[in-house]
N, C-alpha and C. Protein backbone atom coordinates (compact mmCIF):
# COMPACT_ATOMS: atom_id res chain seq x y z
N MET A 1 -105.70 -94.91 31.65
CA MET A 1 -104.36 -94.66 32.17
C MET A 1 -103.37 -94.81 31.02
N PRO A 2 -102.47 -93.84 30.89
CA PRO A 2 -101.51 -93.94 29.78
C PRO A 2 -100.58 -95.13 29.94
N ARG A 3 -100.18 -95.65 28.79
CA ARG A 3 -99.30 -96.82 28.77
C ARG A 3 -97.84 -96.43 28.88
N LEU A 4 -97.50 -95.21 28.46
CA LEU A 4 -96.14 -94.69 28.58
C LEU A 4 -96.09 -93.76 29.79
N GLN A 5 -94.90 -93.63 30.35
CA GLN A 5 -94.75 -92.72 31.47
C GLN A 5 -95.10 -91.31 31.03
N SER A 6 -95.84 -90.61 31.87
CA SER A 6 -96.20 -89.21 31.63
C SER A 6 -95.19 -88.36 32.41
N LEU A 7 -94.19 -87.86 31.68
CA LEU A 7 -93.05 -87.22 32.33
C LEU A 7 -93.40 -85.82 32.86
N GLU A 8 -92.84 -85.53 34.00
CA GLU A 8 -92.88 -84.17 34.54
C GLU A 8 -91.70 -83.41 33.95
N LYS A 9 -91.70 -82.11 34.08
CA LYS A 9 -90.64 -81.31 33.46
C LYS A 9 -89.28 -81.50 34.12
N THR A 10 -89.23 -82.23 35.21
CA THR A 10 -87.96 -82.54 35.89
C THR A 10 -87.48 -83.96 35.57
N GLN A 11 -88.22 -84.67 34.70
CA GLN A 11 -87.90 -86.07 34.42
C GLN A 11 -87.41 -86.23 32.98
N GLY A 12 -86.78 -87.37 32.75
CA GLY A 12 -86.38 -87.73 31.39
C GLY A 12 -85.04 -87.17 30.99
N ASP A 13 -84.76 -87.36 29.74
CA ASP A 13 -83.54 -86.90 29.10
C ASP A 13 -83.43 -85.37 29.23
N PRO A 14 -82.19 -84.83 29.35
CA PRO A 14 -82.05 -83.37 29.47
C PRO A 14 -82.74 -82.59 28.33
N LYS A 15 -82.68 -83.10 27.11
CA LYS A 15 -83.34 -82.42 25.99
C LYS A 15 -84.85 -82.43 26.18
N SER A 16 -85.39 -83.55 26.66
CA SER A 16 -86.82 -83.63 26.95
C SER A 16 -87.20 -82.64 28.04
N ARG A 17 -86.42 -82.58 29.09
CA ARG A 17 -86.71 -81.64 30.19
C ARG A 17 -86.70 -80.21 29.68
N GLU A 18 -85.77 -79.88 28.81
CA GLU A 18 -85.70 -78.53 28.23
C GLU A 18 -86.98 -78.21 27.43
N MET A 19 -87.41 -79.16 26.60
CA MET A 19 -88.62 -78.92 25.80
C MET A 19 -89.86 -78.85 26.69
N LEU A 20 -89.94 -79.72 27.70
CA LEU A 20 -91.09 -79.70 28.61
C LEU A 20 -91.15 -78.38 29.38
N ASN A 21 -90.00 -77.87 29.80
CA ASN A 21 -89.96 -76.58 30.49
C ASN A 21 -90.40 -75.45 29.57
N GLN A 22 -89.98 -75.50 28.31
CA GLN A 22 -90.39 -74.49 27.34
C GLN A 22 -91.91 -74.55 27.12
N LEU A 23 -92.44 -75.75 26.98
CA LEU A 23 -93.89 -75.92 26.81
C LEU A 23 -94.64 -75.41 28.04
N ASP A 24 -94.09 -75.66 29.23
CA ASP A 24 -94.70 -75.18 30.46
C ASP A 24 -94.75 -73.65 30.48
N LYS A 25 -93.67 -73.01 30.06
CA LYS A 25 -93.64 -71.53 30.00
C LYS A 25 -94.69 -70.99 29.05
N GLN A 26 -95.01 -71.76 28.00
CA GLN A 26 -96.01 -71.35 27.01
C GLN A 26 -97.42 -71.80 27.40
N LYS A 27 -97.55 -72.37 28.61
CA LYS A 27 -98.83 -72.89 29.09
C LYS A 27 -99.38 -73.98 28.16
N MET A 28 -98.46 -74.80 27.62
CA MET A 28 -98.83 -75.86 26.67
C MET A 28 -98.31 -77.23 27.11
N LEU A 29 -98.06 -77.40 28.39
CA LEU A 29 -97.53 -78.68 28.87
C LEU A 29 -98.69 -79.68 29.02
N LEU A 30 -99.06 -80.25 27.89
CA LEU A 30 -100.19 -81.17 27.80
C LEU A 30 -99.72 -82.62 27.93
N ASN A 31 -100.66 -83.50 28.21
CA ASN A 31 -100.33 -84.91 28.39
C ASN A 31 -99.73 -85.55 27.15
N ILE A 32 -100.14 -85.13 25.96
CA ILE A 32 -99.54 -85.67 24.73
C ILE A 32 -98.02 -85.43 24.76
N PHE A 33 -97.61 -84.24 25.15
CA PHE A 33 -96.18 -83.90 25.16
C PHE A 33 -95.44 -84.63 26.28
N ARG A 34 -96.10 -84.84 27.40
CA ARG A 34 -95.50 -85.59 28.51
C ARG A 34 -95.20 -87.03 28.08
N GLY A 35 -96.06 -87.59 27.24
CA GLY A 35 -95.82 -88.94 26.72
C GLY A 35 -94.75 -88.95 25.65
N MET A 36 -94.84 -88.00 24.72
CA MET A 36 -93.84 -87.93 23.65
C MET A 36 -92.44 -87.70 24.20
N ALA A 37 -92.33 -87.02 25.35
CA ALA A 37 -91.02 -86.68 25.92
C ALA A 37 -90.22 -87.90 26.33
N ASN A 38 -90.83 -89.08 26.37
CA ASN A 38 -90.06 -90.30 26.64
C ASN A 38 -88.97 -90.49 25.59
N SER A 39 -89.17 -89.93 24.42
CA SER A 39 -88.14 -89.89 23.38
C SER A 39 -87.97 -88.44 22.95
N PRO A 40 -86.84 -87.82 23.27
CA PRO A 40 -86.66 -86.43 22.85
C PRO A 40 -86.78 -86.27 21.33
N ALA A 41 -86.40 -87.28 20.58
CA ALA A 41 -86.50 -87.20 19.12
C ALA A 41 -87.97 -87.10 18.68
N VAL A 42 -88.85 -87.83 19.36
CA VAL A 42 -90.28 -87.80 19.01
C VAL A 42 -90.87 -86.43 19.32
N LEU A 43 -90.64 -85.93 20.52
CA LEU A 43 -91.19 -84.63 20.88
C LEU A 43 -90.61 -83.52 20.02
N ASP A 44 -89.31 -83.54 19.81
CA ASP A 44 -88.67 -82.53 18.98
C ASP A 44 -89.18 -82.60 17.54
N GLY A 45 -89.32 -83.81 17.01
CA GLY A 45 -89.82 -83.97 15.65
C GLY A 45 -91.23 -83.43 15.51
N TYR A 46 -92.09 -83.74 16.47
CA TYR A 46 -93.47 -83.24 16.43
C TYR A 46 -93.46 -81.71 16.47
N LEU A 47 -92.74 -81.13 17.42
CA LEU A 47 -92.74 -79.67 17.57
C LEU A 47 -92.21 -78.97 16.33
N LYS A 48 -91.17 -79.52 15.71
CA LYS A 48 -90.60 -78.90 14.52
C LYS A 48 -91.54 -79.04 13.32
N PHE A 49 -92.14 -80.22 13.13
CA PHE A 49 -93.04 -80.44 12.00
C PHE A 49 -94.28 -79.56 12.15
N SER A 50 -94.85 -79.55 13.34
CA SER A 50 -96.02 -78.73 13.61
C SER A 50 -95.70 -77.24 13.43
N GLY A 51 -94.56 -76.83 13.95
CA GLY A 51 -94.14 -75.43 13.82
C GLY A 51 -93.95 -75.02 12.37
N ALA A 52 -93.38 -75.91 11.57
CA ALA A 52 -93.19 -75.60 10.15
C ALA A 52 -94.53 -75.45 9.44
N LEU A 53 -95.48 -76.35 9.73
CA LEU A 53 -96.79 -76.27 9.07
C LEU A 53 -97.58 -75.04 9.52
N ASN A 54 -97.33 -74.57 10.74
CA ASN A 54 -97.98 -73.35 11.21
C ASN A 54 -97.55 -72.13 10.38
N GLN A 55 -96.42 -72.25 9.70
CA GLN A 55 -95.91 -71.15 8.86
C GLN A 55 -96.32 -71.30 7.40
N GLY A 56 -97.10 -72.33 7.09
CA GLY A 56 -97.50 -72.60 5.71
C GLY A 56 -98.64 -71.72 5.24
N SER A 57 -99.18 -72.08 4.08
CA SER A 57 -100.25 -71.29 3.47
C SER A 57 -101.63 -71.58 4.06
N LEU A 58 -101.81 -72.73 4.69
CA LEU A 58 -103.10 -73.06 5.28
C LEU A 58 -103.25 -72.39 6.63
N ASP A 59 -104.36 -71.67 6.82
CA ASP A 59 -104.56 -70.96 8.08
C ASP A 59 -104.94 -71.92 9.21
N ALA A 60 -104.97 -71.38 10.42
CA ALA A 60 -105.23 -72.21 11.60
C ALA A 60 -106.60 -72.89 11.52
N LYS A 61 -107.63 -72.18 11.04
CA LYS A 61 -108.95 -72.79 10.92
C LYS A 61 -108.88 -74.04 10.04
N THR A 62 -108.19 -73.92 8.92
CA THR A 62 -108.10 -75.03 7.97
C THR A 62 -107.30 -76.18 8.56
N ARG A 63 -106.20 -75.87 9.23
CA ARG A 63 -105.40 -76.94 9.85
C ARG A 63 -106.19 -77.69 10.92
N HIS A 64 -106.98 -76.96 11.71
CA HIS A 64 -107.78 -77.61 12.74
C HIS A 64 -108.92 -78.42 12.12
N ALA A 65 -109.49 -77.93 11.02
CA ALA A 65 -110.53 -78.69 10.33
C ALA A 65 -109.97 -80.02 9.80
N ILE A 66 -108.75 -79.96 9.25
CA ILE A 66 -108.08 -81.20 8.81
C ILE A 66 -107.91 -82.13 10.00
N ALA A 67 -107.41 -81.59 11.11
CA ALA A 67 -107.17 -82.40 12.30
C ALA A 67 -108.46 -83.05 12.80
N LEU A 68 -109.56 -82.33 12.72
CA LEU A 68 -110.85 -82.88 13.16
C LEU A 68 -111.31 -84.01 12.24
N ALA A 69 -111.16 -83.82 10.94
CA ALA A 69 -111.55 -84.88 9.98
C ALA A 69 -110.70 -86.12 10.18
N VAL A 70 -109.39 -85.93 10.33
CA VAL A 70 -108.48 -87.06 10.51
C VAL A 70 -108.71 -87.72 11.87
N GLY A 71 -108.87 -86.91 12.90
CA GLY A 71 -109.11 -87.44 14.25
C GLY A 71 -110.38 -88.26 14.33
N GLN A 72 -111.42 -87.81 13.60
CA GLN A 72 -112.66 -88.58 13.57
C GLN A 72 -112.45 -89.91 12.86
N SER A 73 -111.74 -89.87 11.73
CA SER A 73 -111.47 -91.10 10.98
C SER A 73 -110.70 -92.11 11.82
N ASN A 74 -109.80 -91.61 12.65
CA ASN A 74 -108.97 -92.49 13.48
C ASN A 74 -109.51 -92.66 14.90
N ARG A 75 -110.66 -92.06 15.16
CA ARG A 75 -111.33 -92.18 16.46
C ARG A 75 -110.39 -91.83 17.62
N CYS A 76 -109.73 -90.68 17.50
CA CYS A 76 -108.80 -90.23 18.53
C CYS A 76 -109.46 -89.19 19.43
N GLU A 77 -109.89 -89.64 20.60
CA GLU A 77 -110.58 -88.75 21.54
C GLU A 77 -109.69 -87.58 21.95
N TYR A 78 -108.40 -87.84 22.18
CA TYR A 78 -107.50 -86.77 22.61
C TYR A 78 -107.43 -85.68 21.55
N CYS A 79 -107.19 -86.07 20.30
CA CYS A 79 -107.03 -85.08 19.23
C CYS A 79 -108.34 -84.38 18.91
N LEU A 80 -109.46 -85.08 18.96
CA LEU A 80 -110.75 -84.43 18.74
C LEU A 80 -111.00 -83.39 19.82
N SER A 81 -110.67 -83.71 21.05
CA SER A 81 -110.83 -82.76 22.15
C SER A 81 -109.92 -81.55 21.96
N ALA A 82 -108.66 -81.80 21.65
CA ALA A 82 -107.69 -80.71 21.49
C ALA A 82 -108.07 -79.79 20.32
N HIS A 83 -108.40 -80.37 19.19
CA HIS A 83 -108.65 -79.55 18.00
C HIS A 83 -110.04 -78.92 18.00
N THR A 84 -110.96 -79.46 18.78
CA THR A 84 -112.23 -78.76 18.99
C THR A 84 -111.96 -77.47 19.77
N MET A 85 -111.22 -77.58 20.85
CA MET A 85 -110.89 -76.42 21.67
C MET A 85 -110.06 -75.40 20.88
N MET A 86 -108.99 -75.88 20.25
CA MET A 86 -108.12 -74.96 19.51
C MET A 86 -108.81 -74.42 18.26
N GLY A 87 -109.64 -75.24 17.62
CA GLY A 87 -110.39 -74.79 16.46
C GLY A 87 -111.33 -73.65 16.81
N LYS A 88 -112.01 -73.78 17.96
CA LYS A 88 -112.88 -72.69 18.42
C LYS A 88 -112.07 -71.43 18.67
N SER A 89 -110.90 -71.57 19.28
CA SER A 89 -110.03 -70.41 19.53
C SER A 89 -109.58 -69.77 18.23
N ALA A 90 -109.45 -70.58 17.17
CA ALA A 90 -109.03 -70.06 15.86
C ALA A 90 -110.20 -69.48 15.06
N GLY A 91 -111.43 -69.67 15.57
CA GLY A 91 -112.58 -69.09 14.90
C GLY A 91 -113.56 -70.06 14.26
N LEU A 92 -113.36 -71.37 14.46
CA LEU A 92 -114.33 -72.34 13.93
C LEU A 92 -115.56 -72.35 14.83
N ASP A 93 -116.74 -72.35 14.22
CA ASP A 93 -117.96 -72.45 15.01
C ASP A 93 -118.36 -73.92 15.17
N ASP A 94 -119.35 -74.17 16.01
CA ASP A 94 -119.76 -75.55 16.30
C ASP A 94 -120.21 -76.30 15.05
N ALA A 95 -120.92 -75.62 14.16
CA ALA A 95 -121.41 -76.28 12.94
C ALA A 95 -120.24 -76.69 12.05
N THR A 96 -119.25 -75.83 11.91
CA THR A 96 -118.09 -76.14 11.07
C THR A 96 -117.28 -77.28 11.67
N ILE A 97 -117.15 -77.28 12.98
CA ILE A 97 -116.44 -78.37 13.67
C ILE A 97 -117.17 -79.70 13.43
N HIS A 98 -118.47 -79.69 13.58
CA HIS A 98 -119.28 -80.89 13.37
C HIS A 98 -119.15 -81.36 11.93
N ASP A 99 -119.27 -80.44 10.98
CA ASP A 99 -119.15 -80.79 9.56
C ASP A 99 -117.77 -81.36 9.24
N ALA A 100 -116.72 -80.75 9.78
CA ALA A 100 -115.36 -81.24 9.52
C ALA A 100 -115.22 -82.68 10.00
N ARG A 101 -115.78 -82.98 11.16
CA ARG A 101 -115.72 -84.34 11.69
C ARG A 101 -116.48 -85.31 10.79
N LEU A 102 -117.51 -84.81 10.11
CA LEU A 102 -118.28 -85.64 9.17
C LEU A 102 -117.61 -85.73 7.80
N GLY A 103 -116.58 -84.89 7.57
CA GLY A 103 -115.83 -84.96 6.32
C GLY A 103 -116.26 -84.00 5.24
N HIS A 104 -116.86 -82.88 5.62
CA HIS A 104 -117.25 -81.88 4.61
C HIS A 104 -117.33 -80.50 5.26
N ALA A 105 -117.56 -79.50 4.41
CA ALA A 105 -117.72 -78.11 4.86
C ALA A 105 -118.63 -77.38 3.88
N THR A 106 -119.22 -76.29 4.33
CA THR A 106 -120.08 -75.51 3.43
C THR A 106 -119.26 -74.61 2.51
N ASP A 107 -118.12 -74.12 2.98
CA ASP A 107 -117.23 -73.31 2.15
C ASP A 107 -116.56 -74.20 1.10
N LYS A 108 -116.55 -73.74 -0.15
CA LYS A 108 -116.05 -74.57 -1.26
C LYS A 108 -114.60 -75.00 -1.06
N LYS A 109 -113.71 -74.06 -0.75
CA LYS A 109 -112.30 -74.42 -0.60
C LYS A 109 -112.08 -75.29 0.63
N MET A 110 -112.72 -74.92 1.75
CA MET A 110 -112.58 -75.72 2.97
C MET A 110 -113.10 -77.13 2.72
N ASN A 111 -114.20 -77.25 1.98
CA ASN A 111 -114.73 -78.56 1.65
C ASN A 111 -113.72 -79.36 0.83
N GLY A 112 -113.08 -78.71 -0.13
CA GLY A 112 -112.06 -79.38 -0.93
C GLY A 112 -110.91 -79.90 -0.06
N VAL A 113 -110.51 -79.11 0.92
CA VAL A 113 -109.44 -79.51 1.84
C VAL A 113 -109.87 -80.71 2.67
N ILE A 114 -111.04 -80.63 3.28
CA ILE A 114 -111.50 -81.69 4.18
C ILE A 114 -111.77 -82.99 3.41
N VAL A 115 -112.40 -82.88 2.25
CA VAL A 115 -112.66 -84.08 1.44
C VAL A 115 -111.34 -84.74 1.06
N LEU A 116 -110.38 -83.94 0.62
CA LEU A 116 -109.07 -84.50 0.26
C LEU A 116 -108.41 -85.14 1.47
N ALA A 117 -108.46 -84.48 2.61
CA ALA A 117 -107.85 -85.04 3.83
C ALA A 117 -108.46 -86.39 4.16
N LYS A 118 -109.77 -86.47 4.10
CA LYS A 118 -110.44 -87.73 4.40
C LYS A 118 -110.09 -88.81 3.37
N GLN A 119 -110.01 -88.43 2.10
CA GLN A 119 -109.62 -89.39 1.06
C GLN A 119 -108.20 -89.90 1.31
N LEU A 120 -107.30 -89.00 1.69
CA LEU A 120 -105.93 -89.41 1.98
C LEU A 120 -105.87 -90.45 3.10
N VAL A 121 -106.66 -90.22 4.15
CA VAL A 121 -106.69 -91.17 5.26
C VAL A 121 -107.31 -92.49 4.81
N ASP A 122 -108.47 -92.39 4.18
CA ASP A 122 -109.20 -93.61 3.80
C ASP A 122 -108.43 -94.45 2.78
N LYS A 123 -107.67 -93.79 1.91
CA LYS A 123 -106.97 -94.51 0.83
C LYS A 123 -105.47 -94.62 1.09
N LYS A 124 -105.07 -94.31 2.32
CA LYS A 124 -103.66 -94.39 2.71
C LYS A 124 -102.75 -93.62 1.75
N GLY A 125 -103.23 -92.47 1.31
CA GLY A 125 -102.45 -91.58 0.44
C GLY A 125 -102.65 -91.80 -1.04
N SER A 126 -103.22 -92.91 -1.43
CA SER A 126 -103.34 -93.25 -2.86
C SER A 126 -104.60 -92.65 -3.48
N VAL A 127 -104.64 -91.32 -3.55
CA VAL A 127 -105.78 -90.65 -4.16
C VAL A 127 -105.64 -90.67 -5.68
N SER A 128 -106.76 -90.57 -6.36
CA SER A 128 -106.78 -90.64 -7.82
C SER A 128 -106.51 -89.27 -8.45
N ASP A 129 -106.24 -89.29 -9.75
CA ASP A 129 -106.09 -88.05 -10.51
C ASP A 129 -107.36 -87.21 -10.40
N GLY A 130 -108.51 -87.87 -10.47
CA GLY A 130 -109.79 -87.17 -10.38
C GLY A 130 -109.99 -86.51 -9.02
N GLU A 131 -109.55 -87.17 -7.96
CA GLU A 131 -109.69 -86.59 -6.62
C GLU A 131 -108.79 -85.37 -6.46
N LEU A 132 -107.58 -85.43 -7.02
CA LEU A 132 -106.72 -84.24 -6.98
C LEU A 132 -107.28 -83.12 -7.85
N ALA A 133 -107.84 -83.48 -9.00
CA ALA A 133 -108.46 -82.47 -9.87
C ALA A 133 -109.63 -81.81 -9.16
N ALA A 134 -110.41 -82.58 -8.41
CA ALA A 134 -111.54 -82.01 -7.66
C ALA A 134 -111.03 -81.03 -6.60
N ALA A 135 -109.92 -81.37 -5.94
CA ALA A 135 -109.34 -80.46 -4.94
C ALA A 135 -108.90 -79.17 -5.61
N LYS A 136 -108.28 -79.27 -6.77
CA LYS A 136 -107.86 -78.07 -7.50
C LYS A 136 -109.06 -77.25 -7.95
N SER A 137 -110.14 -77.93 -8.38
CA SER A 137 -111.36 -77.23 -8.78
C SER A 137 -111.99 -76.49 -7.60
N ALA A 138 -111.75 -76.97 -6.39
CA ALA A 138 -112.26 -76.31 -5.19
C ALA A 138 -111.41 -75.11 -4.80
N GLY A 139 -110.30 -74.90 -5.51
CA GLY A 139 -109.45 -73.73 -5.25
C GLY A 139 -108.12 -74.01 -4.60
N LEU A 140 -107.77 -75.28 -4.42
CA LEU A 140 -106.49 -75.61 -3.81
C LEU A 140 -105.37 -75.52 -4.83
N THR A 141 -104.27 -74.92 -4.43
CA THR A 141 -103.07 -74.88 -5.26
C THR A 141 -102.25 -76.14 -5.01
N ASP A 142 -101.24 -76.35 -5.82
CA ASP A 142 -100.35 -77.49 -5.58
C ASP A 142 -99.71 -77.38 -4.19
N GLY A 143 -99.35 -76.16 -3.79
CA GLY A 143 -98.78 -75.95 -2.45
C GLY A 143 -99.77 -76.30 -1.36
N ASP A 144 -101.03 -75.89 -1.55
CA ASP A 144 -102.07 -76.23 -0.57
C ASP A 144 -102.21 -77.75 -0.45
N ILE A 145 -102.23 -78.42 -1.59
CA ILE A 145 -102.38 -79.89 -1.59
C ILE A 145 -101.21 -80.53 -0.85
N ALA A 146 -100.00 -80.04 -1.11
CA ALA A 146 -98.83 -80.57 -0.39
C ALA A 146 -98.99 -80.39 1.12
N GLU A 147 -99.52 -79.24 1.52
CA GLU A 147 -99.71 -78.99 2.95
C GLU A 147 -100.85 -79.81 3.54
N VAL A 148 -101.89 -80.08 2.76
CA VAL A 148 -102.95 -80.97 3.24
C VAL A 148 -102.35 -82.35 3.53
N VAL A 149 -101.54 -82.85 2.60
CA VAL A 149 -100.90 -84.15 2.80
C VAL A 149 -100.04 -84.12 4.07
N ALA A 150 -99.26 -83.07 4.25
CA ALA A 150 -98.39 -82.97 5.42
C ALA A 150 -99.21 -82.88 6.71
N ASN A 151 -100.28 -82.09 6.70
CA ASN A 151 -101.12 -81.98 7.90
C ASN A 151 -101.82 -83.30 8.21
N VAL A 152 -102.25 -84.03 7.20
CA VAL A 152 -102.83 -85.35 7.42
C VAL A 152 -101.78 -86.25 8.08
N ALA A 153 -100.57 -86.26 7.55
CA ALA A 153 -99.51 -87.11 8.09
C ALA A 153 -99.22 -86.75 9.56
N LEU A 154 -99.14 -85.47 9.86
CA LEU A 154 -98.88 -85.04 11.23
C LEU A 154 -100.01 -85.50 12.16
N ASN A 155 -101.24 -85.38 11.69
CA ASN A 155 -102.37 -85.77 12.53
C ASN A 155 -102.52 -87.28 12.65
N VAL A 156 -102.19 -88.02 11.62
CA VAL A 156 -102.18 -89.48 11.76
C VAL A 156 -101.16 -89.86 12.84
N PHE A 157 -100.00 -89.22 12.83
CA PHE A 157 -98.99 -89.48 13.85
C PHE A 157 -99.54 -89.23 15.25
N THR A 158 -100.15 -88.06 15.48
CA THR A 158 -100.64 -87.76 16.82
C THR A 158 -101.81 -88.66 17.19
N ASN A 159 -102.69 -88.97 16.23
CA ASN A 159 -103.80 -89.90 16.50
C ASN A 159 -103.26 -91.26 16.93
N TYR A 160 -102.33 -91.78 16.16
CA TYR A 160 -101.77 -93.10 16.47
C TYR A 160 -101.03 -93.08 17.81
N PHE A 161 -100.29 -92.01 18.04
CA PHE A 161 -99.56 -91.90 19.30
C PHE A 161 -100.53 -91.92 20.47
N ASN A 162 -101.55 -91.08 20.41
CA ASN A 162 -102.50 -90.99 21.52
C ASN A 162 -103.33 -92.25 21.67
N ASN A 163 -103.73 -92.86 20.57
CA ASN A 163 -104.50 -94.10 20.66
C ASN A 163 -103.65 -95.23 21.24
N ALA A 164 -102.41 -95.35 20.80
CA ALA A 164 -101.52 -96.40 21.31
C ALA A 164 -101.19 -96.17 22.78
N ASN A 165 -100.94 -94.92 23.14
CA ASN A 165 -100.57 -94.57 24.51
C ASN A 165 -101.77 -94.53 25.45
N GLN A 166 -102.95 -94.38 24.89
CA GLN A 166 -104.16 -94.12 25.68
C GLN A 166 -103.96 -92.87 26.55
N THR A 167 -103.48 -91.82 25.87
CA THR A 167 -103.20 -90.56 26.54
C THR A 167 -104.45 -90.05 27.24
N GLU A 168 -104.28 -89.69 28.50
CA GLU A 168 -105.40 -89.14 29.27
C GLU A 168 -105.73 -87.74 28.75
N VAL A 169 -107.01 -87.51 28.45
CA VAL A 169 -107.45 -86.21 27.93
C VAL A 169 -107.41 -85.20 29.07
N ASP A 170 -106.60 -84.16 28.89
CA ASP A 170 -106.44 -83.11 29.90
C ASP A 170 -106.99 -81.78 29.39
N LEU A 171 -107.97 -81.86 28.51
CA LEU A 171 -108.65 -80.71 27.93
C LEU A 171 -110.15 -80.99 28.03
N PRO A 172 -111.00 -80.02 27.73
CA PRO A 172 -112.43 -80.35 27.72
C PRO A 172 -112.69 -81.51 26.77
N LYS A 173 -113.25 -82.59 27.32
CA LYS A 173 -113.39 -83.85 26.58
C LYS A 173 -114.53 -83.79 25.56
N VAL A 174 -114.23 -84.29 24.37
CA VAL A 174 -115.21 -84.39 23.29
C VAL A 174 -115.40 -85.87 22.98
N PRO A 175 -116.63 -86.35 22.97
CA PRO A 175 -116.84 -87.77 22.65
C PRO A 175 -116.51 -88.09 21.20
N VAL A 176 -115.99 -89.28 20.98
CA VAL A 176 -115.65 -89.70 19.62
C VAL A 176 -116.89 -89.89 18.78
N ASP A 177 -117.94 -90.46 19.36
CA ASP A 177 -119.18 -90.69 18.62
C ASP A 177 -119.96 -89.40 18.51
N LEU A 178 -120.32 -89.07 17.28
CA LEU A 178 -121.10 -87.86 17.03
C LEU A 178 -122.56 -88.10 17.40
N PRO A 179 -123.22 -87.05 17.88
CA PRO A 179 -124.66 -87.19 18.20
C PRO A 179 -125.49 -87.40 16.95
């Protein structure tokens, strides 16, 4: 059971109600957003940050792979469930999803992204010169690296939010423990 109120689109601050109604029109009124809507600043901040990163150089497959690696590190059932579903919709296959959760990929550049994302989480951002050089050797540009950092930060936020709130999974559930 969630610890924060799960708002309906008729509840909360007027700005929250507006965003919840917009999400409902887009068929995206998920429990994470119902919880975030308790603070319009939180929901608005998430939507704007996520929207900005969707316009970046990293494609949807890569962003979902990052989310899976970070979600596994933080043991966030909600985010693992969401990004498994959305990752499949973006074209990730089951093997790639499983590998991302384990912190690697078969594709050289994707592996560089996932390894860096996991290092960022594990080291709280304090990666070494060698780790950044390895990411660049895998084909990441400085812009890509900046976006990996931003995507990790966004996913740490959603992982922490969902873990603290105990957000009820309203998507096909994925277990945190890998087989």
